[in-house]
Amino acid sequence: MAIGGRAFNLLRASVRQQITHRAGIMSKPAKHELTAGEQAVGMLAMLLTILVPSGWILANLESYKKRP
């Protein structure tokens, strides 16, 4: 049993060194609450950033297939 206990202590010590603290994470409430309009604008901007280029590629897929 002493060997198992010793191995556990070594394992625990190695895991303890791998744990790092994350900087910049706050657990406090936001200083400025976002309104529904601000959230909608942000979500729309993210949606357009992803969907417009994807839609462009899909709409022009045939012309991309014809390229050498």
PDB file of N, CA and C in Angstrom:
ATOM      1  N   MET A   1       0.824  -1.203   0.000  1.00  0.00           N
ATOM      2  CA  MET A   1       0.000   0.000   0.000  1.00  0.00           C
ATOM      3  C   MET A   1       0.859   1.254   0.000  1.00  0.00           C
ATOM      4  N   ALA A   2       2.062   1.159   0.563  1.00  0.00           N
ATOM      5  CA  ALA A   2       2.942   2.319   0.626  1.00  0.00           C
ATOM      6  C   ALA A   2       3.360   2.760  -0.770  1.00  0.00           C
ATOM      7  N   ILE A   3       3.521   1.809  -1.678  1.00  0.00           N
ATOM      8  CA  ILE A   3       3.911   2.151  -3.045  1.00  0.00           C
ATOM      9  C   ILE A   3       2.776   2.905  -3.734  1.00  0.00           C
ATOM     10  N   GLY A   4       1.528   2.472  -3.517  1.00  0.00           N
ATOM     11  CA  GLY A   4       0.378   3.152  -4.103  1.00  0.00           C
ATOM     12  C   GLY A   4       0.224   4.567  -3.567  1.00  0.00           C
ATOM     13  N   GLY A   5       0.459   4.734  -2.267  1.00  0.00           N
ATOM     14  CA  GLY A   5       0.368   6.064  -1.666  1.00  0.00           C
ATOM     15  C   GLY A   5       1.440   6.993  -2.180  1.00  0.00           C
ATOM     16  N   ARG A   6       2.651   6.451  -2.349  1.00  0.00           N
ATOM     17  CA  ARG A   6       3.763   7.242  -2.865  1.00  0.00           C
ATOM     18  C   ARG A   6       3.498   7.656  -4.313  1.00  0.00           C
ATOM     19  N   ALA A   7       2.969   6.741  -5.115  1.00  0.00           N
ATOM     20  CA  ALA A   7       2.654   7.043  -6.510  1.00  0.00           C
ATOM     21  C   ALA A   7       1.552   8.101  -6.591  1.00  0.00           C
ATOM     22  N   PHE A   8       0.578   7.990  -5.703  1.00  0.00           N
ATOM     23  CA  PHE A   8      -0.505   8.977  -5.694  1.00  0.00           C
ATOM     24  C   PHE A   8       0.029  10.366  -5.365  1.00  0.00           C
ATOM     25  N   ASN A   9       0.940  10.458  -4.400  1.00  0.00           N
ATOM     26  CA  ASN A   9       1.524  11.751  -4.042  1.00  0.00           C
ATOM     27  C   ASN A   9       2.316  12.342  -5.205  1.00  0.00           C
ATOM     28  N   LEU A  10       3.059  11.510  -5.929  1.00  0.00           N
ATOM     29  CA  LEU A  10       3.798  12.003  -7.089  1.00  0.00           C
ATOM     30  C   LEU A  10       2.855  12.484  -8.184  1.00  0.00           C
ATOM     31  N   LEU A  11       1.795  11.738  -8.398  1.00  0.00           N
ATOM     32  CA  LEU A  11       0.813  12.126  -9.408  1.00  0.00           C
ATOM     33  C   LEU A  11       0.129  13.427  -9.024  1.00  0.00           C
ATOM     34  N   ARG A  12      -0.229  13.554  -7.774  1.00  0.00           N
ATOM     35  CA  ARG A  12      -0.896  14.770  -7.304  1.00  0.00           C
ATOM     36  C   ARG A  12       0.032  15.978  -7.436  1.00  0.00           C
ATOM     37  N   ALA A  13       1.316  15.807  -7.145  1.00  0.00           N
ATOM     38  CA  ALA A  13       2.277  16.899  -7.257  1.00  0.00           C
ATOM     39  C   ALA A  13       2.445  17.327  -8.715  1.00  0.00           C
ATOM     40  N   SER A  14       2.459  16.371  -9.642  1.00  0.00           N
ATOM     41  CA  SER A  14       2.618  16.728 -11.053  1.00  0.00           C
ATOM     42  C   SER A  14       1.384  17.444 -11.589  1.00  0.00           C
ATOM     43  N   VAL A  15       0.206  17.053 -11.126  1.00  0.00           N
ATOM     44  CA  VAL A  15      -1.023  17.711 -11.576  1.00  0.00           C
ATOM     45  C   VAL A  15      -1.119  19.107 -10.988  1.00  0.00           C
ATOM     46  N   ARG A  16      -0.675  19.284  -9.783  1.00  0.00           N
ATOM     47  CA  ARG A  16      -0.746  20.584  -9.122  1.00  0.00           C
ATOM     48  C   ARG A  16       0.057  21.629  -9.890  1.00  0.00           C
ATOM     49  N   GLN A  17       1.164  21.241 -10.506  1.00  0.00           N
ATOM     50  CA  GLN A  17       1.991  22.187 -11.243  1.00  0.00           C
ATOM     51  C   GLN A  17       1.360  22.583 -12.567  1.00  0.00           C
ATOM     52  N   GLN A  18       0.472  21.772 -13.099  1.00  0.00           N
ATOM     53  CA  GLN A  18      -0.144  22.068 -14.378  1.00  0.00           C
ATOM     54  C   GLN A  18      -1.312  23.037 -14.255  1.00  0.00           C
ATOM     55  N   ILE A  19      -1.849  23.214 -13.088  1.00  0.00           N
ATOM     56  CA  ILE A  19      -2.981  24.113 -12.888  1.00  0.00           C
ATOM     57  C   ILE A  19      -2.472  25.551 -12.917  1.00  0.00           C
ATOM     58  N   THR A  20      -3.030  26.365 -13.798  1.00  0.00           N
ATOM     59  CA  THR A  20      -2.644  27.765 -13.891  1.00  0.00           C
ATOM     60  C   THR A  20      -3.866  28.632 -13.662  1.00  0.00           C
ATOM     61  N   HIS A  21      -3.648  29.805 -13.149  1.00  0.00           N
ATOM     62  CA  HIS A  21      -4.734  30.743 -12.911  1.00  0.00           C
ATOM     63  C   HIS A  21      -5.012  31.508 -14.192  1.00  0.00           C
ATOM     64  N   ARG A  22      -6.274  31.724 -14.460  1.00  0.00           N
ATOM     65  CA  ARG A  22      -6.654  32.461 -15.648  1.00  0.00           C
ATOM     66  C   ARG A  22      -6.762  33.940 -15.293  1.00  0.00           C
ATOM     67  N   ALA A  23      -6.124  34.755 -16.089  1.00  0.00           N
ATOM     68  CA  ALA A  23      -6.146  36.195 -15.842  1.00  0.00           C
ATOM     69  C   ALA A  23      -7.332  36.828 -16.569  1.00  0.00           C
ATOM     70  N   GLY A  24      -7.908  37.828 -15.977  1.00  0.00           N
ATOM     71  CA  GLY A  24      -8.939  38.612 -16.626  1.00  0.00           C
ATOM     72  C   GLY A  24     -10.348  38.063 -16.501  1.00  0.00           C
ATOM     73  N   ILE A  25     -10.561  37.000 -15.784  1.00  0.00           N
ATOM     74  CA  ILE A  25     -11.913  36.471 -15.620  1.00  0.00           C
ATOM     75  C   ILE A  25     -12.510  37.080 -14.353  1.00  0.00           C
ATOM     76  N   MET A  26     -13.629  37.719 -14.507  1.00  0.00           N
ATOM     77  CA  MET A  26     -14.261  38.407 -13.388  1.00  0.00           C
ATOM     78  C   MET A  26     -15.528  37.665 -12.988  1.00  0.00           C
ATOM     79  N   SER A  27     -15.797  37.649 -11.715  1.00  0.00           N
ATOM     80  CA  SER A  27     -17.023  37.016 -11.254  1.00  0.00           C
ATOM     81  C   SER A  27     -18.040  38.055 -10.789  1.00  0.00           C
ATOM     82  N   LYS A  28     -17.735  39.305 -11.008  1.00  0.00           N
ATOM     83  CA  LYS A  28     -18.646  40.373 -10.612  1.00  0.00           C
ATOM     84  C   LYS A  28     -19.676  40.613 -11.709  1.00  0.00           C
ATOM     85  N   PRO A  29     -20.790  41.230 -11.374  1.00  0.00           N
ATOM     86  CA  PRO A  29     -21.746  41.597 -12.417  1.00  0.00           C
ATOM     87  C   PRO A  29     -21.151  42.679 -13.332  1.00  0.00           C
ATOM     88  N   ALA A  30     -21.692  42.776 -14.521  1.00  0.00           N
ATOM     89  CA  ALA A  30     -21.190  43.747 -15.489  1.00  0.00           C
ATOM     90  C   ALA A  30     -21.370  45.172 -14.974  1.00  0.00           C
ATOM     91  N   LYS A  31     -20.423  46.027 -15.305  1.00  0.00           N
ATOM     92  CA  LYS A  31     -20.533  47.436 -14.903  1.00  0.00           C
ATOM     93  C   LYS A  31     -21.605  48.141 -15.717  1.00  0.00           C
ATOM     94  N   HIS A  32     -21.735  47.730 -16.978  1.00  0.00           N
ATOM     95  CA  HIS A  32     -22.701  48.355 -17.876  1.00  0.00           C
ATOM     96  C   HIS A  32     -23.525  47.246 -18.523  1.00  0.00           C
ATOM     97  N   GLU A  33     -24.798  47.196 -18.220  1.00  0.00           N
ATOM     98  CA  GLU A  33     -25.669  46.184 -18.800  1.00  0.00           C
ATOM     99  C   GLU A  33     -25.959  46.541 -20.255  1.00  0.00           C
ATOM    100  N   LEU A  34     -25.897  45.564 -21.122  1.00  0.00           N
ATOM    101  CA  LEU A  34     -26.207  45.788 -22.529  1.00  0.00           C
ATOM    102  C   LEU A  34     -27.711  45.751 -22.734  1.00  0.00           C
ATOM    103  N   THR A  35     -28.188  46.681 -23.524  1.00  0.00           N
ATOM    104  CA  THR A  35     -29.615  46.701 -23.835  1.00  0.00           C
ATOM    105  C   THR A  35     -29.908  45.634 -24.886  1.00  0.00           C
ATOM    106  N   ALA A  36     -31.180  45.376 -25.092  1.00  0.00           N
ATOM    107  CA  ALA A  36     -31.582  44.385 -26.088  1.00  0.00           C
ATOM    108  C   ALA A  36     -31.164  44.828 -27.490  1.00  0.00           C
ATOM    109  N   GLY A  37     -31.216  46.118 -27.744  1.00  0.00           N
ATOM    110  CA  GLY A  37     -30.802  46.636 -29.053  1.00  0.00           C
ATOM    111  C   GLY A  37     -29.318  46.438 -29.303  1.00  0.00           C
ATOM    112  N   GLU A  38     -28.491  46.690 -28.279  1.00  0.00           N
ATOM    113  CA  GLU A  38     -27.053  46.492 -28.417  1.00  0.00           C
ATOM    114  C   GLU A  38     -26.721  45.021 -28.630  1.00  0.00           C
ATOM    115  N   GLN A  39     -27.415  44.147 -27.933  1.00  0.00           N
ATOM    116  CA  GLN A  39     -27.205  42.716 -28.114  1.00  0.00           C
ATOM    117  C   GLN A  39     -27.621  42.278 -29.509  1.00  0.00           C
ATOM    118  N   ALA A  40     -28.726  42.826 -30.006  1.00  0.00           N
ATOM    119  CA  ALA A  40     -29.202  42.469 -31.339  1.00  0.00           C
ATOM    120  C   ALA A  40     -28.209  42.920 -32.409  1.00  0.00           C
ATOM    121  N   VAL A  41     -27.658  44.113 -32.260  1.00  0.00           N
ATOM    122  CA  VAL A  41     -26.676  44.612 -33.231  1.00  0.00           C
ATOM    123  C   VAL A  41     -25.425  43.741 -33.211  1.00  0.00           C
ATOM    124  N   GLY A  42     -24.968  43.373 -32.047  1.00  0.00           N
ATOM    125  CA  GLY A  42     -23.785  42.522 -31.940  1.00  0.00           C
ATOM    126  C   GLY A  42     -24.015  41.153 -32.550  1.00  0.00           C
ATOM    127  N   MET A  43     -25.163  40.549 -32.269  1.00  0.00           N
ATOM    128  CA  MET A  43     -25.467  39.239 -32.836  1.00  0.00           C
ATOM    129  C   MET A  43     -25.629  39.305 -34.353  1.00  0.00           C
ATOM    130  N   LEU A  44     -26.241  40.380 -34.847  1.00  0.00           N
ATOM    131  CA  LEU A  44     -26.412  40.554 -36.285  1.00  0.00           C
ATOM    132  C   LEU A  44     -25.053  40.700 -36.969  1.00  0.00           C
ATOM    133  N   ALA A  45     -24.146  41.454 -36.351  1.00  0.00           N
ATOM    134  CA  ALA A  45     -22.813  41.624 -36.923  1.00  0.00           C
ATOM    135  C   ALA A  45     -22.073  40.285 -36.985  1.00  0.00           C
ATOM    136  N   MET A  46     -22.173  39.499 -35.934  1.00  0.00           N
ATOM    137  CA  MET A  46     -21.520  38.187 -35.936  1.00  0.00           C
ATOM    138  C   MET A  46     -22.152  37.266 -36.976  1.00  0.00           C
ATOM    139  N   LEU A  47     -23.466  37.291 -37.074  1.00  0.00           N
ATOM    140  CA  LEU A  47     -24.171  36.460 -38.034  1.00  0.00           C
ATOM    141  C   LEU A  47     -23.777  36.810 -39.463  1.00  0.00           C
ATOM    142  N   LEU A  48     -23.737  38.102 -39.758  1.00  0.00           N
ATOM    143  CA  LEU A  48     -23.373  38.529 -41.109  1.00  0.00           C
ATOM    144  C   LEU A  48     -21.920  38.210 -41.423  1.00  0.00           C
ATOM    145  N   THR A  49     -21.051  38.310 -40.435  1.00  0.00           N
ATOM    146  CA  THR A  49     -19.636  38.018 -40.641  1.00  0.00           C
ATOM    147  C   THR A  49     -19.438  36.571 -41.068  1.00  0.00           C
ATOM    148  N   ILE A  50     -20.264  35.682 -40.565  1.00  0.00           N
ATOM    149  CA  ILE A  50     -20.123  34.264 -40.893  1.00  0.00           C
ATOM    150  C   ILE A  50     -20.927  33.898 -42.137  1.00  0.00           C
ATOM    151  N   LEU A  51     -22.146  34.383 -42.248  1.00  0.00           N
ATOM    152  CA  LEU A  51     -23.033  33.919 -43.306  1.00  0.00           C
ATOM    153  C   LEU A  51     -22.799  34.575 -44.665  1.00  0.00           C
ATOM    154  N   VAL A  52     -22.391  35.824 -44.712  1.00  0.00           N
ATOM    155  CA  VAL A  52     -22.218  36.493 -46.009  1.00  0.00           C
ATOM    156  C   VAL A  52     -21.103  35.837 -46.822  1.00  0.00           C
ATOM    157  N   PRO A  53     -19.907  35.627 -46.288  1.00  0.00           N
ATOM    158  CA  PRO A  53     -18.892  34.950 -47.103  1.00  0.00           C
ATOM    159  C   PRO A  53     -19.294  33.521 -47.493  1.00  0.00           C
ATOM    160  N   SER A  54     -19.940  32.794 -46.577  1.00  0.00           N
ATOM    161  CA  SER A  54     -20.384  31.431 -46.888  1.00  0.00           C
ATOM    162  C   SER A  54     -21.428  31.449 -47.998  1.00  0.00           C
ATOM    163  N   GLY A  55     -22.350  32.369 -47.918  1.00  0.00           N
ATOM    164  CA  GLY A  55     -23.385  32.491 -48.948  1.00  0.00           C
ATOM    165  C   GLY A  55     -22.806  32.873 -50.296  1.00  0.00           C
ATOM    166  N   TRP A  56     -21.804  33.749 -50.295  1.00  0.00           N
ATOM    167  CA  TRP A  56     -21.142  34.158 -51.544  1.00  0.00           C
ATOM    168  C   TRP A  56     -20.493  32.951 -52.215  1.00  0.00           C
ATOM    169  N   ILE A  57     -19.802  32.157 -51.424  1.00  0.00           N
ATOM    170  CA  ILE A  57     -19.129  30.976 -51.981  1.00  0.00           C
ATOM    171  C   ILE A  57     -20.155  29.996 -52.527  1.00  0.00           C
ATOM    172  N   LEU A  58     -21.216  29.732 -51.769  1.00  0.00           N
ATOM    173  CA  LEU A  58     -22.226  28.797 -52.239  1.00  0.00           C
ATOM    174  C   LEU A  58     -22.969  29.309 -53.466  1.00  0.00           C
ATOM    175  N   ALA A  59     -23.202  30.601 -53.554  1.00  0.00           N
ATOM    176  CA  ALA A  59     -23.903  31.166 -54.701  1.00  0.00           C
ATOM    177  C   ALA A  59     -23.045  31.103 -55.956  1.00  0.00           C
ATOM    178  N   ASN A  60     -21.745  31.173 -55.815  1.00  0.00           N
ATOM    179  CA  ASN A  60     -20.831  31.166 -56.958  1.00  0.00           C
ATOM    180  C   ASN A  60     -20.077  29.852 -57.088  1.00  0.00           C
ATOM    181  N   LEU A  61     -20.607  28.790 -56.540  1.00  0.00           N
ATOM    182  CA  LEU A  61     -19.925  27.504 -56.527  1.00  0.00           C
ATOM    183  C   LEU A  61     -19.665  26.973 -57.920  1.00  0.00           C
ATOM    184  N   GLU A  62     -20.600  27.156 -58.833  1.00  0.00           N
ATOM    185  CA  GLU A  62     -20.416  26.664 -60.205  1.00  0.00           C
ATOM    186  C   GLU A  62     -19.244  27.363 -60.890  1.00  0.00           C
ATOM    187  N   SER A  63     -19.097  28.650 -60.684  1.00  0.00           N
ATOM    188  CA  SER A  63     -17.973  29.359 -61.307  1.00  0.00           C
ATOM    189  C   SER A  63     -16.642  28.925 -60.686  1.00  0.00           C
ATOM    190  N   TYR A  64     -16.654  28.550 -59.405  1.00  0.00           N
ATOM    191  CA  TYR A  64     -15.433  28.056 -58.777  1.00  0.00           C
ATOM    192  C   TYR A  64     -15.068  26.674 -59.311  1.00  0.00           C
ATOM    193  N   LYS A  65     -16.079  25.867 -59.682  1.00  0.00           N
ATOM    194  CA  LYS A  65     -15.811  24.541 -60.219  1.00  0.00           C
ATOM    195  C   LYS A  65     -15.192  24.619 -61.610  1.00  0.00           C
ATOM    196  N   LYS A  66     -15.525  25.655 -62.365  1.00  0.00           N
ATOM    197  CA  LYS A  66     -15.027  25.799 -63.737  1.00  0.00           C
ATOM    198  C   LYS A  66     -13.584  26.290 -63.771  1.00  0.00           C
ATOM    199  N   ARG A  67     -13.076  26.815 -62.694  1.00  0.00           N
ATOM    200  CA  ARG A  67     -11.696  27.322 -62.682  1.00  0.00           C
ATOM    201  C   ARG A  67     -10.726  26.155 -62.787  1.00  0.00           C
ATOM    202  N   PRO A  68      -9.599  26.377 -63.496  1.00  0.00           N
ATOM    203  CA  PRO A  68      -8.612  25.289 -63.634  1.00  0.00           C
ATOM    204  C   PRO A  68      -7.859  25.013 -62.354  1.00  0.00           C
TER     205      PRO A  68
END
